[in-house]
């Protein structure tokens, strides 16, 4: 089903590009990963990125202290890399610091309140994490008016994929959602193996 969504998405974007309405958004090449060889790009985009994204946006769908800390560390990583563009070593130091602080301050009373919030606001948590997953993918494109005009179309495949991964996480566990995400990214990044 996920592959069907991708095929429909790629077909529709191809048709729009062919018609050339408002100069369809261009994929950005400003990422650190774009400077690496094809095999490294493939490994990062097909394996490392899905694991980080799943631990960040899906593990927290089930509340535990560990899941919460991993989720917050994942958000910290994504924000520090995508928004602040910090070097990975600084990012890891910040993540370690946050993990230690959270481990110390998350005592039983606070954990019970957080668990209660998760339990009473399941849909909010679900859709918050889903939109949080979909939104950073807009940074895959160069920012322009065209990017803003096509925002719903650009975010749709990530939103749908996020739905599938979230459902898999809730029904079968984090390993299945990570596996599906790796399969999804891997299928569409195979051409990177033939670069260089």
N, C-alpha and C. Protein backbone atom coordinates (compact mmCIF):
# COMPACT_ATOMS: atom_id res chain seq x y z
N UNK A 1 0.83 -1.18 0.00
CA UNK A 1 0.00 0.00 0.00
C UNK A 1 0.88 1.25 0.00
N UNK A 2 1.94 1.22 0.80
CA UNK A 2 2.85 2.35 0.87
C UNK A 2 3.52 2.58 -0.48
N UNK A 3 3.87 1.50 -1.15
CA UNK A 3 4.50 1.62 -2.47
C UNK A 3 3.51 2.20 -3.47
N UNK A 4 2.23 1.83 -3.36
CA UNK A 4 1.20 2.40 -4.23
C UNK A 4 1.11 3.91 -4.03
N UNK A 5 1.14 4.36 -2.77
CA UNK A 5 1.13 5.80 -2.49
C UNK A 5 2.32 6.49 -3.15
N UNK A 6 3.49 5.87 -3.04
CA UNK A 6 4.70 6.45 -3.63
C UNK A 6 4.58 6.53 -5.16
N UNK A 7 4.05 5.49 -5.78
CA UNK A 7 3.90 5.49 -7.23
C UNK A 7 2.94 6.59 -7.66
N UNK A 8 1.82 6.72 -6.96
CA UNK A 8 0.86 7.78 -7.27
C UNK A 8 1.52 9.15 -7.08
N UNK A 9 2.27 9.31 -6.00
CA UNK A 9 2.93 10.58 -5.72
C UNK A 9 3.94 10.91 -6.83
N UNK A 10 4.80 9.96 -7.17
CA UNK A 10 5.82 10.23 -8.18
C UNK A 10 5.18 10.49 -9.55
N UNK A 11 4.10 9.79 -9.85
CA UNK A 11 3.40 10.01 -11.12
C UNK A 11 2.79 11.41 -11.16
N UNK A 12 2.13 11.80 -10.07
CA UNK A 12 1.51 13.13 -10.05
C UNK A 12 2.56 14.24 -10.08
N UNK A 13 3.65 14.08 -9.36
CA UNK A 13 4.69 15.12 -9.39
C UNK A 13 5.35 15.17 -10.76
N UNK A 14 5.53 14.01 -11.41
CA UNK A 14 6.09 13.99 -12.76
C UNK A 14 5.19 14.75 -13.73
N UNK A 15 3.87 14.51 -13.64
CA UNK A 15 2.93 15.21 -14.51
C UNK A 15 2.94 16.71 -14.27
N UNK A 16 3.01 17.09 -13.00
CA UNK A 16 3.05 18.53 -12.68
C UNK A 16 4.34 19.15 -13.20
N UNK A 17 5.46 18.45 -13.03
CA UNK A 17 6.74 18.96 -13.54
C UNK A 17 6.70 19.10 -15.05
N UNK A 18 6.06 18.12 -15.72
CA UNK A 18 5.96 18.14 -17.17
C UNK A 18 5.16 19.36 -17.63
N UNK A 19 4.07 19.63 -16.94
CA UNK A 19 3.25 20.79 -17.27
C UNK A 19 3.97 22.07 -16.88
N UNK A 20 4.85 21.98 -15.88
CA UNK A 20 5.65 23.10 -15.39
C UNK A 20 4.81 24.21 -14.78
N UNK A 21 3.84 23.84 -13.98
CA UNK A 21 3.04 24.82 -13.27
C UNK A 21 3.85 25.44 -12.14
N UNK A 22 4.00 26.72 -12.16
CA UNK A 22 4.69 27.48 -11.10
C UNK A 22 6.07 26.93 -10.75
N UNK A 23 6.77 26.35 -11.70
CA UNK A 23 8.11 25.82 -11.44
C UNK A 23 8.12 24.94 -10.20
N UNK A 24 7.76 23.69 -10.39
CA UNK A 24 7.67 22.73 -9.28
C UNK A 24 8.92 22.79 -8.41
N UNK A 25 8.78 22.67 -7.08
CA UNK A 25 9.92 22.79 -6.17
C UNK A 25 11.09 21.88 -6.52
N UNK A 26 12.28 22.40 -6.33
CA UNK A 26 13.51 21.68 -6.63
C UNK A 26 14.02 21.03 -5.35
N UNK A 27 14.48 19.78 -5.47
CA UNK A 27 15.06 19.10 -4.32
C UNK A 27 16.35 19.80 -3.94
N UNK A 28 16.49 20.10 -2.65
CA UNK A 28 17.66 20.80 -2.15
C UNK A 28 18.87 19.88 -2.13
N UNK A 29 20.03 20.43 -2.42
CA UNK A 29 21.29 19.69 -2.35
C UNK A 29 22.22 20.35 -1.32
N UNK A 30 21.62 20.98 -0.33
CA UNK A 30 22.40 21.70 0.68
C UNK A 30 22.68 20.87 1.93
N UNK A 31 22.45 19.58 1.87
CA UNK A 31 22.64 18.75 3.05
C UNK A 31 24.05 18.17 3.08
N UNK A 32 24.55 17.97 4.27
CA UNK A 32 25.87 17.40 4.47
C UNK A 32 25.99 16.03 3.78
N UNK A 33 24.92 15.28 3.79
CA UNK A 33 24.93 13.94 3.19
C UNK A 33 25.17 13.99 1.68
N UNK A 34 24.79 15.10 1.05
CA UNK A 34 24.96 15.23 -0.41
C UNK A 34 26.42 15.30 -0.83
N UNK A 35 27.32 15.54 0.10
CA UNK A 35 28.75 15.62 -0.23
C UNK A 35 29.42 14.25 -0.14
N UNK A 36 28.70 13.25 0.34
CA UNK A 36 29.26 11.91 0.53
C UNK A 36 29.11 11.07 -0.74
N UNK A 37 29.82 9.95 -0.78
CA UNK A 37 29.71 9.04 -1.91
C UNK A 37 28.33 8.38 -1.90
N UNK A 38 27.97 7.78 -3.03
CA UNK A 38 26.65 7.15 -3.17
C UNK A 38 26.37 6.07 -2.15
N UNK A 39 27.37 5.24 -1.83
CA UNK A 39 27.16 4.16 -0.86
C UNK A 39 26.88 4.71 0.53
N UNK A 40 27.61 5.77 0.91
CA UNK A 40 27.37 6.38 2.22
C UNK A 40 26.01 7.07 2.26
N UNK A 41 25.66 7.74 1.17
CA UNK A 41 24.33 8.36 1.10
C UNK A 41 23.24 7.30 1.27
N UNK A 42 23.41 6.17 0.56
CA UNK A 42 22.44 5.09 0.66
C UNK A 42 22.34 4.57 2.09
N UNK A 43 23.47 4.31 2.73
CA UNK A 43 23.46 3.79 4.10
C UNK A 43 22.79 4.75 5.07
N UNK A 44 23.09 6.03 4.91
CA UNK A 44 22.50 7.03 5.81
C UNK A 44 21.00 7.17 5.56
N UNK A 45 20.62 7.32 4.29
CA UNK A 45 19.21 7.57 3.97
C UNK A 45 18.33 6.33 4.07
N UNK A 46 18.89 5.16 3.81
CA UNK A 46 18.09 3.94 3.82
C UNK A 46 18.08 3.25 5.18
N UNK A 47 19.10 3.47 6.01
CA UNK A 47 19.17 2.75 7.29
C UNK A 47 19.20 3.67 8.51
N UNK A 48 20.15 4.57 8.55
CA UNK A 48 20.33 5.40 9.75
C UNK A 48 19.16 6.36 9.95
N UNK A 49 18.79 7.08 8.90
CA UNK A 49 17.69 8.04 9.01
C UNK A 49 16.38 7.38 9.44
N UNK A 50 15.96 6.25 8.83
CA UNK A 50 14.72 5.62 9.30
C UNK A 50 14.76 5.20 10.77
N UNK A 51 15.90 4.72 11.23
CA UNK A 51 16.00 4.31 12.64
C UNK A 51 15.84 5.53 13.54
N UNK A 52 16.53 6.61 13.22
CA UNK A 52 16.42 7.84 14.03
C UNK A 52 14.99 8.36 14.00
N UNK A 53 14.39 8.40 12.80
CA UNK A 53 13.02 8.93 12.69
C UNK A 53 12.01 8.06 13.42
N UNK A 54 12.16 6.77 13.34
CA UNK A 54 11.21 5.88 14.03
C UNK A 54 11.35 5.98 15.55
N UNK A 55 12.57 6.05 16.03
CA UNK A 55 12.77 6.19 17.47
C UNK A 55 12.25 7.54 17.95
N UNK A 56 12.32 8.55 17.10
CA UNK A 56 11.85 9.88 17.47
C UNK A 56 10.34 10.00 17.38
N UNK A 57 9.76 9.57 16.28
CA UNK A 57 8.35 9.86 16.01
C UNK A 57 7.40 8.70 16.26
N UNK A 58 7.90 7.50 16.47
CA UNK A 58 7.00 6.37 16.69
C UNK A 58 7.19 5.70 18.04
N UNK A 59 8.40 5.65 18.57
CA UNK A 59 8.63 4.98 19.85
C UNK A 59 7.76 5.61 20.94
N UNK A 60 7.62 6.93 20.92
CA UNK A 60 6.86 7.65 21.93
C UNK A 60 5.36 7.49 21.85
N UNK A 61 4.87 6.75 20.85
CA UNK A 61 3.43 6.49 20.79
C UNK A 61 2.97 5.64 21.98
N UNK A 62 3.88 4.88 22.54
CA UNK A 62 3.61 4.12 23.78
C UNK A 62 4.48 4.75 24.86
N UNK A 63 3.85 5.23 25.91
CA UNK A 63 4.59 5.98 26.92
C UNK A 63 5.30 5.07 27.92
N UNK A 64 6.60 5.27 28.02
CA UNK A 64 7.41 4.78 29.13
C UNK A 64 8.49 5.85 29.35
N UNK A 65 9.15 5.80 30.45
CA UNK A 65 10.22 6.76 30.72
C UNK A 65 11.28 6.67 29.63
N UNK A 66 11.70 5.45 29.31
CA UNK A 66 12.72 5.25 28.29
C UNK A 66 12.26 5.79 26.93
N UNK A 67 11.04 5.43 26.52
CA UNK A 67 10.52 5.90 25.23
C UNK A 67 10.46 7.42 25.18
N UNK A 68 10.04 8.05 26.27
CA UNK A 68 9.94 9.50 26.33
C UNK A 68 11.32 10.15 26.18
N UNK A 69 12.30 9.62 26.89
CA UNK A 69 13.65 10.18 26.83
C UNK A 69 14.23 10.01 25.42
N UNK A 70 14.05 8.84 24.84
CA UNK A 70 14.56 8.61 23.48
C UNK A 70 13.86 9.56 22.49
N UNK A 71 12.55 9.74 22.64
CA UNK A 71 11.80 10.64 21.77
C UNK A 71 12.33 12.08 21.88
N UNK A 72 12.52 12.56 23.09
CA UNK A 72 13.02 13.93 23.29
C UNK A 72 14.44 14.06 22.73
N UNK A 73 15.26 13.06 22.93
CA UNK A 73 16.62 13.09 22.36
C UNK A 73 16.57 13.10 20.83
N UNK A 74 15.64 12.36 20.26
CA UNK A 74 15.47 12.36 18.81
C UNK A 74 15.04 13.72 18.29
N UNK A 75 14.07 14.34 18.97
CA UNK A 75 13.66 15.70 18.59
C UNK A 75 14.84 16.66 18.69
N UNK A 76 15.62 16.52 19.74
CA UNK A 76 16.80 17.38 19.92
C UNK A 76 17.78 17.20 18.77
N UNK A 77 18.00 15.96 18.39
CA UNK A 77 18.90 15.68 17.27
C UNK A 77 18.40 16.33 15.99
N UNK A 78 17.13 16.13 15.69
CA UNK A 78 16.57 16.66 14.44
C UNK A 78 16.59 18.18 14.43
N UNK A 79 16.23 18.79 15.54
CA UNK A 79 16.24 20.26 15.61
C UNK A 79 17.66 20.80 15.49
N UNK A 80 18.60 20.19 16.20
CA UNK A 80 19.97 20.69 16.17
C UNK A 80 20.62 20.50 14.80
N UNK A 81 20.28 19.41 14.11
CA UNK A 81 20.87 19.16 12.79
C UNK A 81 20.17 19.95 11.69
N UNK A 82 18.83 19.94 11.67
CA UNK A 82 18.10 20.57 10.58
C UNK A 82 17.97 22.08 10.72
N UNK A 83 17.67 22.53 11.91
CA UNK A 83 17.43 23.96 12.10
C UNK A 83 18.72 24.71 12.41
N UNK A 84 19.46 24.22 13.40
CA UNK A 84 20.68 24.92 13.81
C UNK A 84 21.92 24.45 13.05
N UNK A 85 21.80 23.35 12.33
CA UNK A 85 22.89 22.78 11.52
C UNK A 85 24.20 22.64 12.31
N UNK A 86 24.06 22.10 13.53
CA UNK A 86 25.23 21.87 14.36
C UNK A 86 26.00 20.65 13.88
N UNK A 87 27.28 20.64 14.16
CA UNK A 87 28.11 19.49 13.85
C UNK A 87 27.62 18.32 14.70
N UNK A 88 27.75 17.10 14.16
CA UNK A 88 27.22 15.92 14.86
C UNK A 88 27.82 15.74 16.24
N UNK A 89 29.09 16.15 16.44
CA UNK A 89 29.70 15.97 17.76
C UNK A 89 29.04 16.87 18.81
N UNK A 90 28.73 18.11 18.43
CA UNK A 90 28.03 19.01 19.36
C UNK A 90 26.62 18.49 19.63
N UNK A 91 26.00 17.98 18.59
CA UNK A 91 24.65 17.43 18.74
C UNK A 91 24.65 16.26 19.73
N UNK A 92 25.62 15.38 19.63
CA UNK A 92 25.68 14.24 20.55
C UNK A 92 25.93 14.67 21.99
N UNK A 93 26.74 15.70 22.17
CA UNK A 93 26.97 16.22 23.52
C UNK A 93 25.68 16.78 24.11
N UNK A 94 24.95 17.53 23.30
CA UNK A 94 23.67 18.10 23.76
C UNK A 94 22.68 16.99 24.09
N UNK A 95 22.62 15.98 23.24
CA UNK A 95 21.70 14.86 23.47
C UNK A 95 22.06 14.12 24.75
N UNK A 96 23.33 13.86 24.97
CA UNK A 96 23.77 13.17 26.19
C UNK A 96 23.39 13.99 27.43
N UNK A 97 23.60 15.30 27.36
CA UNK A 97 23.26 16.19 28.47
C UNK A 97 21.75 16.13 28.75
N UNK A 98 20.94 16.21 27.71
CA UNK A 98 19.48 16.18 27.87
C UNK A 98 19.03 14.82 28.42
N UNK A 99 19.62 13.74 27.92
CA UNK A 99 19.25 12.40 28.41
C UNK A 99 19.56 12.26 29.90
N UNK A 100 20.70 12.77 30.33
CA UNK A 100 21.07 12.70 31.75
C UNK A 100 20.12 13.53 32.59
N UNK A 101 19.85 14.76 32.15
CA UNK A 101 18.93 15.64 32.89
C UNK A 101 17.55 15.00 33.00
N UNK A 102 17.02 14.47 31.89
CA UNK A 102 15.69 13.84 31.93
C UNK A 102 15.67 12.61 32.83
N UNK A 103 16.72 11.83 32.79
CA UNK A 103 16.80 10.64 33.63
C UNK A 103 16.73 11.03 35.11
N UNK A 104 17.36 12.14 35.45
CA UNK A 104 17.39 12.60 36.84
C UNK A 104 16.06 13.23 37.26
N UNK A 105 15.47 14.08 36.41
CA UNK A 105 14.29 14.84 36.84
C UNK A 105 12.97 14.09 36.67
N UNK A 106 12.93 13.06 35.84
CA UNK A 106 11.68 12.33 35.63
C UNK A 106 11.46 11.34 36.77
N UNK A 107 10.90 11.85 37.84
CA UNK A 107 10.58 11.04 39.02
C UNK A 107 9.16 10.49 38.89
N UNK A 108 8.78 9.64 39.79
CA UNK A 108 7.52 8.91 39.71
C UNK A 108 6.31 9.81 39.53
N UNK A 109 6.22 10.90 40.28
CA UNK A 109 5.05 11.77 40.21
C UNK A 109 4.92 12.41 38.82
N UNK A 110 6.02 12.90 38.29
CA UNK A 110 6.01 13.51 36.96
C UNK A 110 5.73 12.46 35.89
N UNK A 111 6.31 11.27 36.05
CA UNK A 111 6.06 10.19 35.10
C UNK A 111 4.59 9.80 35.08
N UNK A 112 3.95 9.76 36.24
CA UNK A 112 2.53 9.43 36.31
C UNK A 112 1.69 10.48 35.61
N UNK A 113 2.06 11.75 35.76
CA UNK A 113 1.32 12.83 35.08
C UNK A 113 1.50 12.75 33.57
N UNK A 114 2.73 12.47 33.14
CA UNK A 114 2.98 12.32 31.70
C UNK A 114 2.25 11.11 31.14
N UNK A 115 2.28 10.00 31.86
CA UNK A 115 1.58 8.78 31.42
C UNK A 115 0.07 9.04 31.34
N UNK A 116 -0.45 9.78 32.29
CA UNK A 116 -1.87 10.13 32.28
C UNK A 116 -2.20 11.01 31.07
N UNK A 117 -1.32 11.97 30.78
CA UNK A 117 -1.52 12.83 29.61
C UNK A 117 -1.53 11.98 28.34
N UNK A 118 -0.58 11.07 28.20
CA UNK A 118 -0.50 10.20 27.02
C UNK A 118 -1.78 9.37 26.89
N UNK A 119 -2.22 8.82 28.01
CA UNK A 119 -3.41 7.96 28.02
C UNK A 119 -4.67 8.75 27.64
N UNK A 120 -4.82 9.96 28.17
CA UNK A 120 -6.02 10.76 27.96
C UNK A 120 -6.00 11.56 26.66
N UNK A 121 -4.86 11.62 26.00
CA UNK A 121 -4.73 12.43 24.78
C UNK A 121 -4.06 11.63 23.67
N UNK A 122 -4.48 10.40 23.50
CA UNK A 122 -3.86 9.52 22.52
C UNK A 122 -3.88 10.09 21.10
N UNK A 123 -5.03 10.61 20.70
CA UNK A 123 -5.13 11.16 19.33
C UNK A 123 -4.24 12.38 19.16
N UNK A 124 -4.20 13.23 20.16
CA UNK A 124 -3.34 14.41 20.07
C UNK A 124 -1.88 13.99 19.92
N UNK A 125 -1.43 13.06 20.76
CA UNK A 125 -0.04 12.57 20.70
C UNK A 125 0.22 11.93 19.34
N UNK A 126 -0.72 11.11 18.88
CA UNK A 126 -0.58 10.43 17.60
C UNK A 126 -0.39 11.44 16.47
N UNK A 127 -1.30 12.40 16.37
CA UNK A 127 -1.24 13.36 15.26
C UNK A 127 -0.12 14.39 15.44
N UNK A 128 0.21 14.72 16.66
CA UNK A 128 1.36 15.61 16.89
C UNK A 128 2.64 14.97 16.36
N UNK A 129 2.84 13.70 16.70
CA UNK A 129 4.04 13.00 16.22
C UNK A 129 3.99 12.80 14.72
N UNK A 130 2.82 12.56 14.18
CA UNK A 130 2.67 12.37 12.73
C UNK A 130 3.00 13.65 11.97
N UNK A 131 2.46 14.77 12.40
CA UNK A 131 2.74 16.05 11.75
C UNK A 131 4.20 16.45 11.99
N UNK A 132 4.71 16.14 13.19
CA UNK A 132 6.12 16.43 13.47
C UNK A 132 7.05 15.63 12.57
N UNK A 133 6.63 14.44 12.18
CA UNK A 133 7.40 13.63 11.23
C UNK A 133 7.32 14.21 9.82
N UNK A 134 6.14 14.59 9.40
CA UNK A 134 5.92 15.06 8.03
C UNK A 134 6.56 16.42 7.76
N UNK A 135 6.47 17.31 8.71
CA UNK A 135 6.88 18.70 8.51
C UNK A 135 8.36 18.88 8.16
N UNK A 136 9.31 18.28 8.85
CA UNK A 136 10.71 18.51 8.50
C UNK A 136 11.08 18.09 7.07
N UNK A 137 10.28 17.22 6.47
CA UNK A 137 10.58 16.77 5.11
C UNK A 137 10.44 17.90 4.08
N UNK A 138 9.78 18.97 4.45
CA UNK A 138 9.69 20.11 3.54
C UNK A 138 11.07 20.73 3.31
N UNK A 139 11.97 20.51 4.26
CA UNK A 139 13.34 21.03 4.12
C UNK A 139 14.12 20.27 3.06
N UNK A 140 13.54 19.19 2.52
CA UNK A 140 14.18 18.48 1.42
C UNK A 140 14.16 19.31 0.13
N UNK A 141 13.39 20.38 0.14
CA UNK A 141 13.23 21.21 -1.05
C UNK A 141 13.78 22.61 -0.81
N UNK A 142 14.24 23.24 -1.89
CA UNK A 142 14.69 24.62 -1.78
C UNK A 142 13.47 25.48 -1.46
N UNK A 143 13.63 26.40 -0.52
CA UNK A 143 12.52 27.24 -0.12
C UNK A 143 12.21 28.26 -1.22
N UNK A 144 10.95 28.27 -1.63
CA UNK A 144 10.50 29.20 -2.66
C UNK A 144 8.98 29.32 -2.56
N UNK A 145 8.42 30.20 -3.34
CA UNK A 145 6.97 30.34 -3.39
C UNK A 145 6.35 29.03 -3.89
N UNK A 146 6.99 28.42 -4.88
CA UNK A 146 6.48 27.16 -5.43
C UNK A 146 6.44 26.08 -4.35
N UNK A 147 7.46 26.04 -3.50
CA UNK A 147 7.48 25.06 -2.42
C UNK A 147 6.27 25.27 -1.50
N UNK A 148 5.98 26.51 -1.19
CA UNK A 148 4.83 26.80 -0.32
C UNK A 148 3.51 26.45 -1.00
N UNK A 149 3.43 26.71 -2.32
CA UNK A 149 2.20 26.39 -3.05
C UNK A 149 1.95 24.88 -3.09
N UNK A 150 3.00 24.12 -3.22
CA UNK A 150 2.87 22.67 -3.33
C UNK A 150 3.05 21.95 -2.00
N UNK A 151 3.05 22.70 -0.91
CA UNK A 151 3.28 22.12 0.41
C UNK A 151 2.39 20.91 0.70
N UNK A 152 1.08 20.98 0.47
CA UNK A 152 0.26 19.78 0.75
C UNK A 152 0.68 18.56 -0.06
N UNK A 153 0.99 18.76 -1.33
CA UNK A 153 1.41 17.65 -2.18
C UNK A 153 2.77 17.10 -1.75
N UNK A 154 3.67 17.99 -1.34
CA UNK A 154 5.00 17.56 -0.91
C UNK A 154 4.96 16.80 0.41
N UNK A 155 4.05 17.19 1.30
CA UNK A 155 3.97 16.55 2.61
C UNK A 155 3.11 15.29 2.61
N UNK A 156 2.23 15.16 1.64
CA UNK A 156 1.29 14.03 1.61
C UNK A 156 1.96 12.66 1.69
N UNK A 157 2.98 12.37 0.88
CA UNK A 157 3.56 11.01 0.97
C UNK A 157 4.19 10.73 2.34
N UNK A 158 4.75 11.76 2.97
CA UNK A 158 5.37 11.57 4.29
C UNK A 158 4.29 11.38 5.35
N UNK A 159 3.19 12.10 5.19
CA UNK A 159 2.07 11.96 6.11
C UNK A 159 1.49 10.54 6.00
N UNK A 160 1.26 10.07 4.77
CA UNK A 160 0.71 8.73 4.57
C UNK A 160 1.67 7.65 5.04
N UNK A 161 2.95 7.83 4.74
CA UNK A 161 3.94 6.86 5.22
C UNK A 161 3.96 6.86 6.75
N UNK A 162 3.89 8.04 7.34
CA UNK A 162 3.86 8.14 8.79
C UNK A 162 2.66 7.42 9.39
N UNK A 163 1.51 7.51 8.71
CA UNK A 163 0.33 6.77 9.16
C UNK A 163 0.58 5.27 9.17
N UNK A 164 1.16 4.78 8.09
CA UNK A 164 1.45 3.34 7.98
C UNK A 164 2.45 2.92 9.05
N UNK A 165 3.53 3.69 9.21
CA UNK A 165 4.55 3.35 10.20
C UNK A 165 3.97 3.41 11.62
N UNK A 166 3.12 4.40 11.88
CA UNK A 166 2.52 4.53 13.21
C UNK A 166 1.59 3.36 13.50
N UNK A 167 0.80 2.99 12.51
CA UNK A 167 -0.10 1.85 12.69
C UNK A 167 0.71 0.58 12.97
N UNK A 168 1.78 0.39 12.21
CA UNK A 168 2.64 -0.78 12.42
C UNK A 168 3.24 -0.76 13.82
N UNK A 169 3.65 0.42 14.26
CA UNK A 169 4.24 0.56 15.60
C UNK A 169 3.23 0.16 16.67
N UNK A 170 2.02 0.68 16.55
CA UNK A 170 1.01 0.42 17.58
C UNK A 170 0.51 -1.02 17.55
N UNK A 171 0.43 -1.63 16.38
CA UNK A 171 -0.11 -2.99 16.28
C UNK A 171 0.94 -4.07 16.46
N UNK A 172 2.19 -3.80 16.02
CA UNK A 172 3.19 -4.88 16.02
C UNK A 172 4.51 -4.52 16.67
N UNK A 173 4.71 -3.26 17.00
CA UNK A 173 5.94 -2.88 17.69
C UNK A 173 6.88 -2.04 16.84
N UNK A 174 7.91 -1.54 17.50
CA UNK A 174 8.84 -0.61 16.89
C UNK A 174 9.70 -1.27 15.82
N UNK A 175 10.01 -2.56 15.98
CA UNK A 175 10.86 -3.25 15.00
C UNK A 175 10.18 -3.28 13.63
N UNK A 176 8.87 -3.52 13.59
CA UNK A 176 8.17 -3.54 12.31
C UNK A 176 8.15 -2.15 11.68
N UNK A 177 7.89 -1.12 12.47
CA UNK A 177 7.85 0.23 11.89
C UNK A 177 9.23 0.63 11.35
N UNK A 178 10.28 0.27 12.07
CA UNK A 178 11.64 0.56 11.58
C UNK A 178 11.90 -0.22 10.30
N UNK A 179 11.51 -1.47 10.26
CA UNK A 179 11.73 -2.31 9.07
C UNK A 179 10.99 -1.76 7.86
N UNK A 180 9.74 -1.37 8.05
CA UNK A 180 8.97 -0.79 6.94
C UNK A 180 9.59 0.51 6.45
N UNK A 181 10.06 1.32 7.37
CA UNK A 181 10.67 2.60 7.01
C UNK A 181 11.97 2.36 6.24
N UNK A 182 12.77 1.40 6.69
CA UNK A 182 14.00 1.05 5.98
C UNK A 182 13.67 0.54 4.57
N UNK A 183 12.67 -0.31 4.46
CA UNK A 183 12.25 -0.82 3.16
C UNK A 183 11.81 0.32 2.25
N UNK A 184 10.99 1.21 2.79
CA UNK A 184 10.49 2.36 2.03
C UNK A 184 11.64 3.23 1.52
N UNK A 185 12.51 3.64 2.43
CA UNK A 185 13.63 4.51 2.03
C UNK A 185 14.62 3.76 1.14
N UNK A 186 14.85 2.49 1.47
CA UNK A 186 15.82 1.71 0.71
C UNK A 186 15.43 1.56 -0.75
N UNK A 187 14.14 1.30 -1.00
CA UNK A 187 13.68 1.13 -2.38
C UNK A 187 13.90 2.37 -3.23
N UNK A 188 13.75 3.52 -2.60
CA UNK A 188 13.84 4.77 -3.37
C UNK A 188 15.23 5.40 -3.34
N UNK A 189 16.15 4.79 -2.61
CA UNK A 189 17.52 5.33 -2.60
C UNK A 189 18.51 4.36 -3.25
N UNK A 190 18.04 3.25 -3.78
CA UNK A 190 18.92 2.29 -4.47
C UNK A 190 19.75 2.96 -5.57
N UNK A 191 19.18 3.89 -6.35
CA UNK A 191 20.00 4.54 -7.39
C UNK A 191 21.26 5.23 -6.85
N UNK A 192 21.26 5.60 -5.58
CA UNK A 192 22.45 6.23 -5.00
C UNK A 192 23.65 5.30 -5.00
N UNK A 193 23.40 4.00 -5.01
CA UNK A 193 24.49 3.02 -5.02
C UNK A 193 25.31 3.10 -6.32
N UNK A 194 24.71 3.67 -7.34
CA UNK A 194 25.38 3.74 -8.64
C UNK A 194 26.03 5.08 -8.90
N UNK A 195 26.03 5.97 -7.89
CA UNK A 195 26.72 7.25 -8.01
C UNK A 195 28.21 7.04 -7.78
N UNK A 196 29.01 7.88 -8.34
CA UNK A 196 30.46 7.89 -8.18
C UNK A 196 31.04 6.70 -8.83
